[in-house]
Amino acid sequence: MAWHKPDNVAGSSAPAIMVGLFVACGGLLFGYDTGTISGILAMTAFRDQFSTGYIDIKDGLPNVSPAQSSQIVSILSAGTFFGALLAAPFGDRLGRRVPLIIAVGIFSFGVMMQTLSMHIPMLLAGRFFAGLGVGVVSVLVPLYQSEMAPKWIRGTLVCAYQLAITAGLLLAAIVNILTEGKENRNAFRIPLALQFVWAGILLLGLVLLPETPRYLIKRGRHTAAALSLSRLRRLDITHPALIEELAEIEANHEYELSLGPSTYRDVFLGSPHLGRRILTGCGLQMLQQLCGCNFIFYYGTTFFQRIGIKNPFVIQLITNIVNFVSTLPGMVLVESLGRRRLLMIGASGMAVCQLIVASVGTALPNSYVANVVLIVFVCCYLFFFAASWGPVVWVVTSEIYPLKIRAKAMSISTASNWLLNFAIAYGTPYLVGTSPGLNLQAKVFFVWGAFCAISLAFVWCLVYETSKISLEQIDEMYERVDHAWNSKSFQPSWSFQEMRDEGASASGIQLTEHEEARRRTCTSASEAESGTTMTEEDKIIAQLGDVDVSY
């Protein structure tokens, strides 16, 4: 079974799993906000409050213009773009946990501005600040999960982040249905204010959670790393399995530093094959957006309304239920099928569904048959997306980068997601709108279907299979495996401790004198920082001293 703990794994994985699942609730912030704005834009109370004189030609009632609608929706993505870029310096300097707490505070400030807003400028400012917080969360939550999770269930835990996003979308759809009938401002203010609840729960939990052991090793805090890993694995601080895992993390970090510094230049040009990895991460994140998912989540309600479907709020609720439920099989399949195969199956299914919707909608516009086909195959598309590209993209991008540049690379790849998110959120009203706009209507699904086909080829060529191996062993795979389609057969053959002790490179080739000197310099610096040259086991135990480990 995909979730069965291997018999040779010591200790308990329950603490790490519970921590990972709780942190995943950060996805609620983005999911709920996305789902809320989709419904709010169609509410009569919102249209009356924020209309500046524009009259919708569809129903002859006041509304925000397509340009204003673009700004209101896309400004969140602009904030998340900058938030994602800020996550790297915050994550490297303050850790993974503290910046998450700060991000939730920024998000809450943005929610307050949105809830109190009476005019579009203040609403835009609030959505920008909320996006800033969501951007930091979107980088550091998957990063936190991947760094503290056991390798046998790491993919599933990171998938829980996407599950939380879908749960937020579903909650927003339910709240929108319950409030959209109100004739006063509470119709849209209640959904906006409820975001304080999710932010408050997450904030209280983050205060109690530990920092990740890998970050603490990166900062040279070996004692704190041992204590953190002890909490997560429920093992005694001197247990051989815990000491071995810590020593492997530290040896891997020393090896990474021996290959060069951890600057932004090295994110693109460093070794082993960091340029290929950042291309993989950015490509996956951008294609996730270009598959058309957020077209449905952002503008689903108004789109269904424009093509003549009755009860668009109910249809949006149905699509969000499908999206949430379909994420659950993805959490299992990501470990049993693997990342690579699941992404290719998902891309194929999404392409077929999108092209069917586009073909029928173009051939039979404004017909009952076309509307039924659209609803059915949009739900089928969402099944394939939610079970594959929705969660697995976050899994892959949180795994493939080495520790020394992980926060920087994650922030860049996630920022590319938000950049495309912004472009789609801003451009969609012009693609499907009538005044002004291209009035593509269902033809827009031809665009999304084409990108789904491109996604299939991209995964085949560039995505390596990273399931069932540790984050440290992924470095070895990129060193030894030349082509992504050969990665499934990769088997780890050494440990970083052995390589460090023997002075060999990851490919098994003896280091040159210059490389060996760099390795010794790195090791000496680490020993000088800890003040000892003892073995890893003795080093960790000695550093504990009289530390109270009764947590």
Protein backbone atom coordinates (compact mmCIF):
# COMPACT_ATOMS: atom_id res chain seq x y z
CA MET A 1 0.00 0.00 0.00
CA ALA A 2 1.17 3.52 -0.84
CA TRP A 3 0.75 4.73 2.74
CA HIS A 4 2.25 1.71 4.51
CA LYS A 5 5.25 2.64 6.61
CA PRO A 6 8.29 0.49 5.68
CA ASP A 7 9.24 -2.04 8.33
CA ASN A 8 12.86 -0.83 8.45
CA VAL A 9 11.90 2.76 9.39
CA ALA A 10 12.53 3.39 13.08
CA GLY A 11 10.36 5.51 15.35
CA SER A 12 6.92 6.92 14.58
CA SER A 13 5.92 9.02 11.59
CA ALA A 14 2.70 10.21 13.23
CA PRO A 15 4.07 13.55 14.57
CA ALA A 16 5.54 14.50 11.20
CA ILE A 17 2.33 13.52 9.41
CA MET A 18 0.16 15.54 11.79
CA VAL A 19 2.44 18.57 11.49
CA GLY A 20 2.47 18.28 7.69
CA LEU A 21 -1.30 18.03 7.49
CA PHE A 22 -1.81 21.02 9.76
CA VAL A 23 0.64 23.25 7.88
CA ALA A 24 -1.15 22.28 4.67
CA CYS A 25 -4.08 24.36 5.94
CA GLY A 26 -2.15 27.33 4.55
CA GLY A 27 -3.70 26.32 1.24
CA LEU A 28 -7.11 27.28 2.64
CA LEU A 29 -6.11 30.95 2.49
CA PHE A 30 -5.57 30.93 -1.26
CA GLY A 31 -8.34 28.46 -2.12
CA TYR A 32 -11.00 30.27 -0.14
CA ASP A 33 -10.01 33.69 -1.49
CA THR A 34 -10.08 32.40 -5.07
CA GLY A 35 -13.47 30.77 -4.64
CA THR A 36 -14.90 33.77 -2.83
CA ILE A 37 -14.05 36.33 -5.52
CA SER A 38 -15.52 34.07 -8.21
CA GLY A 39 -18.95 34.21 -6.56
CA ILE A 40 -18.76 37.75 -5.24
CA LEU A 41 -18.30 39.20 -8.72
CA ALA A 42 -21.72 37.82 -9.67
CA MET A 43 -23.55 39.04 -6.55
CA THR A 44 -26.13 41.79 -7.07
CA ALA A 45 -25.11 43.55 -3.83
CA PHE A 46 -21.45 43.65 -4.91
CA ARG A 47 -22.32 44.92 -8.39
CA ASP A 48 -24.48 47.70 -6.95
CA GLN A 49 -21.85 48.72 -4.37
CA PHE A 50 -18.79 48.79 -6.62
CA SER A 51 -20.27 49.75 -10.01
CA THR A 52 -18.98 53.09 -11.28
CA GLY A 53 -21.72 53.51 -13.89
CA TYR A 54 -21.00 50.57 -16.21
CA ILE A 55 -24.15 48.70 -17.37
CA ASP A 56 -23.81 45.01 -18.27
CA ILE A 57 -25.25 44.50 -21.77
CA LYS A 58 -26.25 40.94 -20.85
CA ASP A 59 -28.83 41.86 -18.22
CA GLY A 60 -28.97 45.67 -18.35
CA LEU A 61 -27.98 45.99 -14.65
CA PRO A 62 -25.11 47.89 -12.98
CA ASN A 63 -21.82 45.97 -12.82
CA VAL A 64 -18.08 46.44 -12.68
CA SER A 65 -16.56 46.73 -16.14
CA PRO A 66 -14.39 43.94 -17.62
CA ALA A 67 -11.32 46.09 -16.95
CA GLN A 68 -12.29 46.58 -13.30
CA SER A 69 -13.12 42.89 -12.96
CA SER A 70 -9.66 42.04 -14.30
CA GLN A 71 -8.01 44.35 -11.80
CA ILE A 72 -10.01 43.07 -8.82
CA VAL A 73 -9.22 39.42 -9.56
CA SER A 74 -5.65 39.73 -10.82
CA ILE A 75 -4.32 42.12 -8.15
CA LEU A 76 -4.23 39.18 -5.72
CA SER A 77 -1.92 37.33 -8.14
CA ALA A 78 0.29 40.41 -8.43
CA GLY A 79 0.67 40.37 -4.65
CA THR A 80 1.39 36.63 -4.59
CA PHE A 81 4.11 37.09 -7.23
CA PHE A 82 6.02 39.54 -5.04
CA GLY A 83 5.26 37.50 -1.93
CA ALA A 84 6.76 34.40 -3.53
CA LEU A 85 9.96 36.29 -4.35
CA LEU A 86 10.17 37.66 -0.80
CA ALA A 87 9.80 34.15 0.62
CA ALA A 88 13.37 33.20 -0.31
CA PRO A 89 15.27 35.83 1.73
CA PHE A 90 12.77 35.43 4.58
CA GLY A 91 13.03 31.64 4.48
CA ASP A 92 16.83 31.61 4.39
CA ARG A 93 17.30 34.20 7.13
CA LEU A 94 14.39 33.60 9.52
CA GLY A 95 13.60 29.94 8.85
CA ARG A 96 10.52 28.26 7.42
CA ARG A 97 8.16 28.73 10.39
CA VAL A 98 8.59 32.38 11.47
CA PRO A 99 8.04 33.83 7.97
CA LEU A 100 4.84 31.77 7.76
CA ILE A 101 3.60 33.50 10.93
CA ILE A 102 4.48 36.91 9.46
CA ALA A 103 2.76 36.00 6.17
CA VAL A 104 -0.48 35.09 7.95
CA GLY A 105 -0.38 38.48 9.69
CA ILE A 106 0.05 40.30 6.35
CA PHE A 107 -2.79 38.25 4.86
CA SER A 108 -5.08 39.18 7.77
CA PHE A 109 -4.33 42.87 7.26
CA GLY A 110 -5.36 42.52 3.62
CA VAL A 111 -8.58 40.74 4.60
CA MET A 112 -9.43 43.58 6.98
CA MET A 113 -9.04 46.13 4.18
CA GLN A 114 -11.23 44.07 1.82
CA THR A 115 -13.97 43.62 4.42
CA LEU A 116 -14.12 47.34 5.22
CA SER A 117 -13.82 48.56 1.63
CA MET A 118 -16.60 50.66 0.09
CA HIS A 119 -14.86 51.49 -3.18
CA ILE A 120 -12.64 49.67 -5.65
CA PRO A 121 -9.25 51.28 -4.73
CA MET A 122 -9.40 50.06 -1.11
CA LEU A 123 -10.60 46.65 -2.27
CA LEU A 124 -7.63 46.43 -4.63
CA ALA A 125 -5.19 47.41 -1.88
CA GLY A 126 -6.62 44.78 0.45
CA ARG A 127 -6.39 42.06 -2.18
CA PHE A 128 -2.77 43.01 -2.92
CA PHE A 129 -1.74 42.65 0.74
CA ALA A 130 -3.68 39.41 1.05
CA GLY A 131 -1.85 38.17 -2.05
CA LEU A 132 1.49 39.17 -0.55
CA GLY A 133 0.82 36.88 2.41
CA VAL A 134 -0.49 34.05 0.23
CA GLY A 135 2.64 34.26 -1.95
CA VAL A 136 4.95 33.66 1.02
CA VAL A 137 2.72 30.83 2.24
CA SER A 138 2.66 29.16 -1.19
CA VAL A 139 6.46 28.84 -1.16
CA LEU A 140 7.12 27.97 2.46
CA VAL A 141 4.30 25.50 3.16
CA PRO A 142 5.40 22.90 0.55
CA LEU A 143 9.01 23.63 1.50
CA TYR A 144 8.28 23.05 5.19
CA GLN A 145 6.36 19.86 4.43
CA SER A 146 9.03 18.33 2.20
CA GLU A 147 11.85 19.10 4.65
CA MET A 148 10.19 17.48 7.68
CA ALA A 149 8.27 14.58 6.11
CA PRO A 150 9.48 10.95 5.96
CA LYS A 151 10.33 10.02 2.37
CA TRP A 152 7.75 7.22 2.15
CA ILE A 153 4.83 9.64 2.57
CA ARG A 154 6.43 12.97 1.55
CA GLY A 155 4.46 13.25 -1.69
CA THR A 156 1.13 12.63 0.00
CA LEU A 157 1.77 15.29 2.65
CA VAL A 158 2.70 17.92 0.08
CA CYS A 159 -0.44 16.93 -1.88
CA ALA A 160 -2.39 17.84 1.26
CA TYR A 161 -1.52 21.48 0.48
CA GLN A 162 -3.48 21.22 -2.77
CA LEU A 163 -6.27 19.40 -0.92
CA ALA A 164 -6.51 22.39 1.42
CA ILE A 165 -6.74 24.72 -1.60
CA THR A 166 -9.63 22.68 -2.99
CA ALA A 167 -11.27 22.62 0.45
CA GLY A 168 -11.04 26.42 0.52
CA LEU A 169 -12.65 26.63 -2.91
CA LEU A 170 -15.48 24.34 -1.77
CA LEU A 171 -16.07 26.28 1.45
CA ALA A 172 -16.18 29.53 -0.51
CA ALA A 173 -18.75 28.10 -2.93
CA ILE A 174 -20.97 27.02 -0.02
CA VAL A 175 -20.68 30.39 1.74
CA ASN A 176 -21.40 32.25 -1.52
CA ILE A 177 -24.62 30.26 -2.02
CA LEU A 178 -25.72 31.02 1.55
CA THR A 179 -25.09 34.76 1.28
CA GLU A 180 -25.65 35.72 -2.37
CA GLY A 181 -29.39 36.18 -1.81
CA LYS A 182 -28.87 38.95 0.74
CA GLU A 183 -29.70 42.37 -0.61
CA ASN A 184 -27.33 44.39 1.59
CA ARG A 185 -23.54 44.56 1.81
CA ASN A 186 -23.39 41.52 4.09
CA ALA A 187 -23.81 39.40 0.96
CA PHE A 188 -20.13 39.90 0.12
CA ARG A 189 -18.75 41.07 3.47
CA ILE A 190 -19.53 37.83 5.30
CA PRO A 191 -17.55 35.66 2.83
CA LEU A 192 -14.64 38.11 2.99
CA ALA A 193 -14.60 38.34 6.81
CA LEU A 194 -14.65 34.55 7.26
CA GLN A 195 -11.06 34.50 6.04
CA PHE A 196 -10.05 35.69 9.52
CA VAL A 197 -11.14 32.31 10.90
CA TRP A 198 -8.80 30.25 8.68
CA ALA A 199 -5.93 32.68 9.27
CA GLY A 200 -6.42 32.62 13.06
CA ILE A 201 -6.42 28.82 13.27
CA LEU A 202 -3.26 28.59 11.18
CA LEU A 203 -1.52 31.32 13.20
CA LEU A 204 -2.18 29.62 16.54
CA GLY A 205 -0.85 26.29 15.28
CA LEU A 206 2.31 27.74 13.74
CA VAL A 207 3.35 29.18 17.09
CA LEU A 208 3.63 25.63 18.47
CA LEU A 209 5.29 23.85 15.53
CA PRO A 210 9.04 23.08 15.31
CA GLU A 211 11.49 24.44 12.76
CA THR A 212 12.60 21.96 10.08
CA PRO A 213 15.79 19.98 10.84
CA ARG A 214 17.23 20.67 7.37
CA TYR A 215 17.00 24.44 7.82
CA LEU A 216 18.64 24.18 11.25
CA ILE A 217 21.49 22.13 9.74
CA LYS A 218 21.83 24.77 7.03
CA ARG A 219 22.28 27.40 9.75
CA GLY A 220 24.79 25.25 11.68
CA ARG A 221 22.44 24.68 14.66
CA HIS A 222 23.08 20.95 15.07
CA THR A 223 21.64 20.60 18.56
CA ALA A 224 18.38 22.29 17.60
CA ALA A 225 18.21 20.13 14.46
CA ALA A 226 18.59 16.97 16.56
CA LEU A 227 15.83 18.10 18.92
CA SER A 228 13.50 18.98 16.04
CA LEU A 229 14.06 15.66 14.27
CA SER A 230 13.58 13.84 17.56
CA ARG A 231 10.13 15.44 17.93
CA LEU A 232 9.16 14.64 14.35
CA ARG A 233 10.35 11.00 14.40
CA ARG A 234 9.52 10.33 18.08
CA LEU A 235 12.98 8.90 18.68
CA ASP A 236 15.45 9.43 21.50
CA ILE A 237 18.05 12.06 20.73
CA THR A 238 20.81 9.41 20.76
CA HIS A 239 18.96 6.79 18.69
CA PRO A 240 21.23 5.44 15.89
CA ALA A 241 18.57 5.95 13.20
CA LEU A 242 18.10 9.60 14.15
CA ILE A 243 21.84 10.23 14.28
CA GLU A 244 22.30 8.57 10.89
CA GLU A 245 19.55 10.67 9.26
CA LEU A 246 20.99 13.88 10.71
CA ALA A 247 24.51 12.97 9.61
CA GLU A 248 23.31 12.27 6.05
CA ILE A 249 21.52 15.64 5.88
CA GLU A 250 24.64 17.42 7.13
CA ALA A 251 26.99 15.53 4.78
CA ASN A 252 24.72 16.34 1.83
CA HIS A 253 24.71 20.04 2.74
CA GLU A 254 28.51 20.08 3.01
CA TYR A 255 28.78 18.43 -0.41
CA GLU A 256 26.42 20.99 -1.95
CA LEU A 257 28.50 23.84 -0.51
CA SER A 258 31.66 22.24 -1.94
CA LEU A 259 30.18 22.60 -5.44
CA GLY A 260 29.81 26.35 -5.13
CA PRO A 261 27.99 29.18 -3.31
CA SER A 262 24.22 29.46 -2.92
CA THR A 263 23.59 32.65 -4.90
CA TYR A 264 20.78 33.37 -7.33
CA ARG A 265 23.29 32.86 -10.15
CA ASP A 266 23.86 29.31 -8.95
CA VAL A 267 20.12 28.63 -9.06
CA PHE A 268 20.42 28.81 -12.85
CA LEU A 269 24.03 27.76 -13.50
CA GLY A 270 25.06 25.63 -10.51
CA SER A 271 25.74 21.90 -10.21
CA PRO A 272 24.47 19.26 -10.41
CA HIS A 273 22.21 20.39 -13.27
CA LEU A 274 20.50 23.17 -11.31
CA GLY A 275 19.57 24.98 -14.51
CA ARG A 276 17.63 21.94 -15.70
CA ARG A 277 15.91 21.70 -12.34
CA ILE A 278 14.78 25.34 -12.25
CA LEU A 279 13.52 24.97 -15.83
CA THR A 280 11.54 21.92 -14.72
CA GLY A 281 10.07 23.70 -11.70
CA CYS A 282 9.15 26.92 -13.52
CA GLY A 283 7.79 25.01 -16.52
CA LEU A 284 5.54 22.85 -14.35
CA GLN A 285 4.21 25.81 -12.40
CA MET A 286 3.46 27.83 -15.54
CA LEU A 287 1.83 24.93 -17.36
CA GLN A 288 -0.33 24.24 -14.30
CA GLN A 289 -1.85 27.68 -14.85
CA LEU A 290 -2.02 27.40 -18.64
CA CYS A 291 -4.06 24.20 -18.35
CA GLY A 292 -7.05 26.44 -17.60
CA CYS A 293 -7.83 25.53 -14.00
CA ASN A 294 -8.04 29.05 -12.64
CA PHE A 295 -10.19 30.18 -15.54
CA ILE A 296 -12.88 27.97 -13.98
CA PHE A 297 -12.07 28.87 -10.36
CA TYR A 298 -11.83 32.65 -10.93
CA TYR A 299 -14.51 33.23 -13.53
CA GLY A 300 -16.56 30.02 -13.47
CA THR A 301 -19.68 31.59 -11.99
CA THR A 302 -19.73 34.57 -14.34
CA PHE A 303 -18.78 32.40 -17.35
CA PHE A 304 -21.63 29.95 -16.70
CA GLN A 305 -23.91 32.95 -16.26
CA ARG A 306 -22.87 34.49 -19.58
CA ILE A 307 -23.44 31.34 -21.67
CA GLY A 308 -26.97 31.01 -20.39
CA ILE A 309 -26.69 28.32 -17.70
CA LYS A 310 -29.28 28.74 -14.95
CA ASN A 311 -28.16 28.61 -11.31
CA PRO A 312 -24.44 29.31 -11.99
CA PHE A 313 -23.71 29.32 -8.23
CA VAL A 314 -24.94 25.73 -7.98
CA ILE A 315 -22.84 24.66 -10.99
CA GLN A 316 -19.80 26.29 -9.40
CA LEU A 317 -20.51 24.38 -6.19
CA ILE A 318 -20.68 21.11 -8.14
CA THR A 319 -17.34 21.78 -9.85
CA ASN A 320 -15.72 22.57 -6.50
CA ILE A 321 -17.07 19.34 -4.97
CA VAL A 322 -15.60 17.40 -7.90
CA ASN A 323 -12.31 19.27 -7.49
CA PHE A 324 -12.10 18.50 -3.76
CA VAL A 325 -13.09 14.82 -3.94
CA SER A 326 -10.81 14.14 -6.92
CA THR A 327 -7.75 15.37 -5.02
CA LEU A 328 -8.05 12.42 -2.62
CA PRO A 329 -7.10 9.68 -5.15
CA GLY A 330 -4.20 11.87 -6.23
CA MET A 331 -2.81 11.75 -2.68
CA VAL A 332 -2.62 7.96 -2.94
CA LEU A 333 -1.56 7.67 -6.59
CA VAL A 334 1.34 10.11 -6.16
CA GLU A 335 3.18 7.40 -4.18
CA SER A 336 1.91 4.25 -5.96
CA LEU A 337 2.03 5.48 -9.60
CA GLY A 338 4.78 8.01 -9.02
CA ARG A 339 5.01 11.70 -9.92
CA ARG A 340 5.99 11.36 -13.57
CA ARG A 341 3.38 8.82 -14.70
CA LEU A 342 0.56 10.56 -12.84
CA LEU A 343 1.39 13.91 -14.47
CA MET A 344 1.37 12.35 -17.96
CA ILE A 345 -1.97 10.57 -17.38
CA GLY A 346 -3.44 13.80 -16.04
CA ALA A 347 -2.21 15.91 -18.98
CA SER A 348 -3.67 13.43 -21.49
CA GLY A 349 -7.06 13.35 -19.76
CA MET A 350 -7.24 17.13 -19.41
CA ALA A 351 -6.39 17.69 -23.10
CA VAL A 352 -9.17 15.35 -24.28
CA CYS A 353 -11.78 16.96 -21.99
CA GLN A 354 -10.84 20.51 -22.96
CA LEU A 355 -10.96 19.79 -26.68
CA ILE A 356 -14.37 18.10 -26.38
CA VAL A 357 -15.79 21.11 -24.51
CA ALA A 358 -14.34 23.52 -27.08
CA SER A 359 -15.57 21.51 -30.09
CA VAL A 360 -19.14 20.98 -28.87
CA GLY A 361 -19.46 24.52 -27.50
CA THR A 362 -18.30 25.97 -30.85
CA ALA A 363 -20.46 23.69 -33.00
CA LEU A 364 -23.64 24.06 -30.91
CA PRO A 365 -23.46 27.46 -29.18
CA ASN A 366 -26.15 28.45 -26.67
CA SER A 367 -27.83 25.05 -26.86
CA TYR A 368 -29.01 22.76 -24.09
CA VAL A 369 -26.80 19.94 -25.42
CA ALA A 370 -23.72 22.13 -25.44
CA ASN A 371 -24.37 23.29 -21.88
CA VAL A 372 -24.77 19.72 -20.62
CA VAL A 373 -21.58 18.62 -22.40
CA LEU A 374 -19.73 21.64 -21.02
CA ILE A 375 -20.74 20.89 -17.43
CA VAL A 376 -20.00 17.14 -17.68
CA PHE A 377 -16.61 17.47 -19.32
CA VAL A 378 -15.54 20.43 -17.20
CA CYS A 379 -16.13 18.12 -14.23
CA CYS A 380 -14.13 15.36 -15.97
CA TYR A 381 -11.34 17.85 -16.64
CA LEU A 382 -11.35 18.87 -12.99
CA PHE A 383 -11.08 15.20 -11.97
CA PHE A 384 -7.91 14.74 -14.02
CA PHE A 385 -6.49 18.09 -12.87
CA ALA A 386 -7.23 17.58 -9.17
CA ALA A 387 -5.83 14.04 -9.16
CA SER A 388 -2.60 14.99 -10.96
CA TRP A 389 -1.46 18.48 -11.92
CA GLY A 390 -3.15 20.21 -9.02
CA PRO A 391 -1.19 18.51 -6.20
CA VAL A 392 1.75 16.82 -7.95
CA VAL A 393 3.27 20.03 -9.34
CA TRP A 394 3.72 21.28 -5.76
CA VAL A 395 5.25 17.92 -4.80
CA VAL A 396 7.84 17.92 -7.59
CA THR A 397 8.88 21.54 -7.15
CA SER A 398 9.34 21.06 -3.41
CA GLU A 399 11.61 18.04 -3.92
CA ILE A 400 13.97 18.62 -6.83
CA TYR A 401 16.15 21.43 -5.46
CA PRO A 402 19.20 20.95 -3.18
CA LEU A 403 19.11 22.39 0.33
CA LYS A 404 21.51 25.26 -0.25
CA ILE A 405 19.29 26.93 -2.89
CA ARG A 406 15.95 25.29 -2.09
CA ALA A 407 14.21 28.43 -0.79
CA LYS A 408 15.50 30.59 -3.68
CA ALA A 409 14.58 28.05 -6.35
CA MET A 410 11.17 27.40 -4.81
CA SER A 411 10.43 31.12 -4.70
CA ILE A 412 11.37 31.58 -8.37
CA SER A 413 9.35 28.60 -9.59
CA THR A 414 6.34 29.57 -7.46
CA ALA A 415 6.62 33.18 -8.62
CA SER A 416 6.39 31.93 -12.21
CA ASN A 417 3.11 30.24 -11.23
CA TRP A 418 1.74 33.50 -9.85
CA LEU A 419 2.97 35.48 -12.85
CA LEU A 420 0.93 33.27 -15.21
CA ASN A 421 -1.91 33.30 -12.68
CA PHE A 422 -1.90 37.10 -12.90
CA ALA A 423 -1.81 37.05 -16.71
CA ILE A 424 -4.75 34.63 -16.91
CA ALA A 425 -6.76 36.45 -14.25
CA TYR A 426 -6.21 39.79 -15.99
CA GLY A 427 -6.64 38.60 -19.57
CA THR A 428 -9.57 36.21 -19.28
CA PRO A 429 -12.36 38.86 -19.27
CA TYR A 430 -10.93 40.17 -22.55
CA LEU A 431 -10.79 36.65 -24.03
CA VAL A 432 -14.39 35.69 -23.27
CA GLY A 433 -16.03 39.09 -22.83
CA THR A 434 -18.03 40.94 -25.46
CA SER A 435 -17.44 44.60 -24.65
CA PRO A 436 -14.52 44.86 -24.95
CA GLY A 437 -13.17 41.42 -25.70
CA LEU A 438 -12.59 38.68 -28.27
CA ASN A 439 -15.82 36.90 -27.26
CA LEU A 440 -14.19 33.46 -27.55
CA GLN A 441 -16.74 31.90 -25.19
CA ALA A 442 -16.25 28.09 -25.37
CA LYS A 443 -13.46 28.47 -27.96
CA VAL A 444 -11.16 29.46 -25.09
CA PHE A 445 -10.99 25.77 -24.19
CA PHE A 446 -9.05 25.14 -27.44
CA VAL A 447 -6.28 27.29 -25.90
CA TRP A 448 -6.26 25.39 -22.62
CA GLY A 449 -6.40 22.02 -24.43
CA ALA A 450 -3.36 22.89 -26.55
CA PHE A 451 -1.33 23.71 -23.45
CA CYS A 452 -2.41 20.40 -21.86
CA ALA A 453 -0.91 18.60 -24.88
CA ILE A 454 2.31 20.61 -24.50
CA SER A 455 2.35 19.63 -20.81
CA LEU A 456 2.44 15.94 -21.72
CA ALA A 457 5.58 16.40 -23.84
CA PHE A 458 7.19 18.60 -21.17
CA VAL A 459 6.77 15.95 -18.46
CA TRP A 460 8.17 13.21 -20.71
CA CYS A 461 11.30 15.22 -21.49
CA LEU A 462 12.12 16.97 -18.20
CA VAL A 463 10.36 15.58 -15.11
CA TYR A 464 12.38 13.02 -13.12
CA GLU A 465 10.72 10.40 -10.92
CA THR A 466 11.42 11.43 -7.32
CA SER A 467 9.16 9.10 -5.32
CA LYS A 468 10.55 6.63 -2.77
CA ILE A 469 13.94 8.35 -2.42
CA SER A 470 15.15 10.96 0.08
CA LEU A 471 15.72 14.61 -0.78
CA GLU A 472 19.45 13.97 -0.52
CA GLN A 473 19.32 11.02 -2.96
CA ILE A 474 17.57 13.19 -5.56
CA ASP A 475 20.90 15.05 -5.95
CA GLU A 476 22.59 11.75 -6.80
CA MET A 477 19.89 10.95 -9.37
CA TYR A 478 20.42 14.24 -11.21
CA GLU A 479 24.16 13.58 -11.16
CA ARG A 480 23.94 10.05 -12.58
CA VAL A 481 20.79 9.98 -14.77
CA ASP A 482 21.05 11.94 -18.02
CA HIS A 483 17.47 11.68 -19.26
CA ALA A 484 14.20 12.03 -17.35
CA TRP A 485 12.65 8.97 -19.03
CA ASN A 486 15.40 6.80 -17.47
CA SER A 487 14.85 8.08 -13.92
CA LYS A 488 12.28 5.43 -12.97
CA SER A 489 14.99 2.76 -12.85
CA PHE A 490 17.35 4.82 -10.65
CA GLN A 491 18.64 3.12 -7.50
CA PRO A 492 20.73 5.05 -4.90
CA SER A 493 24.16 3.51 -4.58
CA TRP A 494 25.96 5.57 -1.93
CA SER A 495 25.47 7.94 0.96
CA PHE A 496 26.83 11.47 1.31
CA GLN A 497 28.60 10.40 4.49
CA GLU A 498 30.61 7.82 2.52
CA MET A 499 31.31 10.29 -0.27
CA ARG A 500 32.49 12.93 2.21
CA ASP A 501 34.75 10.47 4.01
CA GLU A 502 36.22 9.01 0.81
CA GLY A 503 36.51 12.29 -1.12
CA ALA A 504 34.52 11.07 -4.13
CA SER A 505 32.09 13.00 -6.28
CA ALA A 506 28.44 12.05 -6.56
CA SER A 507 29.15 10.18 -9.79
CA GLY A 508 31.80 8.08 -8.07
CA ILE A 509 34.73 9.91 -9.70
CA GLN A 510 37.59 10.89 -7.45
CA LEU A 511 37.71 14.62 -6.77
CA THR A 512 40.52 16.72 -8.22
CA GLU A 513 43.01 18.40 -5.88
CA HIS A 514 41.13 21.70 -6.23
CA GLU A 515 37.75 20.06 -5.52
CA GLU A 516 39.19 18.09 -2.61
CA ALA A 517 40.61 21.31 -1.15
CA ARG A 518 37.19 22.95 -1.39
CA ARG A 519 35.58 19.93 0.27
CA ARG A 520 38.09 20.03 3.15
CA THR A 521 37.61 23.79 3.52
CA CYS A 522 33.84 23.30 3.75
CA THR A 523 34.20 20.49 6.26
CA SER A 524 36.71 22.44 8.34
CA ALA A 525 34.42 25.45 8.39
CA SER A 526 31.56 23.29 9.61
CA GLU A 527 33.75 21.77 12.32
CA ALA A 528 35.03 25.19 13.35
CA GLU A 529 31.47 26.40 13.66
CA SER A 530 30.58 23.49 15.93
CA GLY A 531 33.95 23.61 17.70
CA THR A 532 34.78 19.92 17.28
CA THR A 533 36.22 17.38 14.85
CA MET A 534 34.60 14.33 16.42
CA THR A 535 32.48 11.78 14.59
CA GLU A 536 28.95 12.75 13.69
CA GLU A 537 27.46 10.63 16.51
CA ASP A 538 29.85 11.96 19.14
CA LYS A 539 29.44 15.50 17.81
CA ILE A 540 25.65 15.54 18.21
CA ILE A 541 25.70 13.90 21.65
CA ALA A 542 28.48 16.15 22.91
CA GLN A 543 26.69 19.29 21.74
CA LEU A 544 23.62 18.38 23.75
CA GLY A 545 25.46 18.62 27.02
CA ASP A 546 22.95 19.46 29.72
CA VAL A 547 20.21 20.41 27.26
CA ASP A 548 16.81 19.46 28.57
CA VAL A 549 15.21 17.26 25.90
CA SER A 550 11.93 16.74 27.74
CA TYR A 551 9.56 18.45 25.34
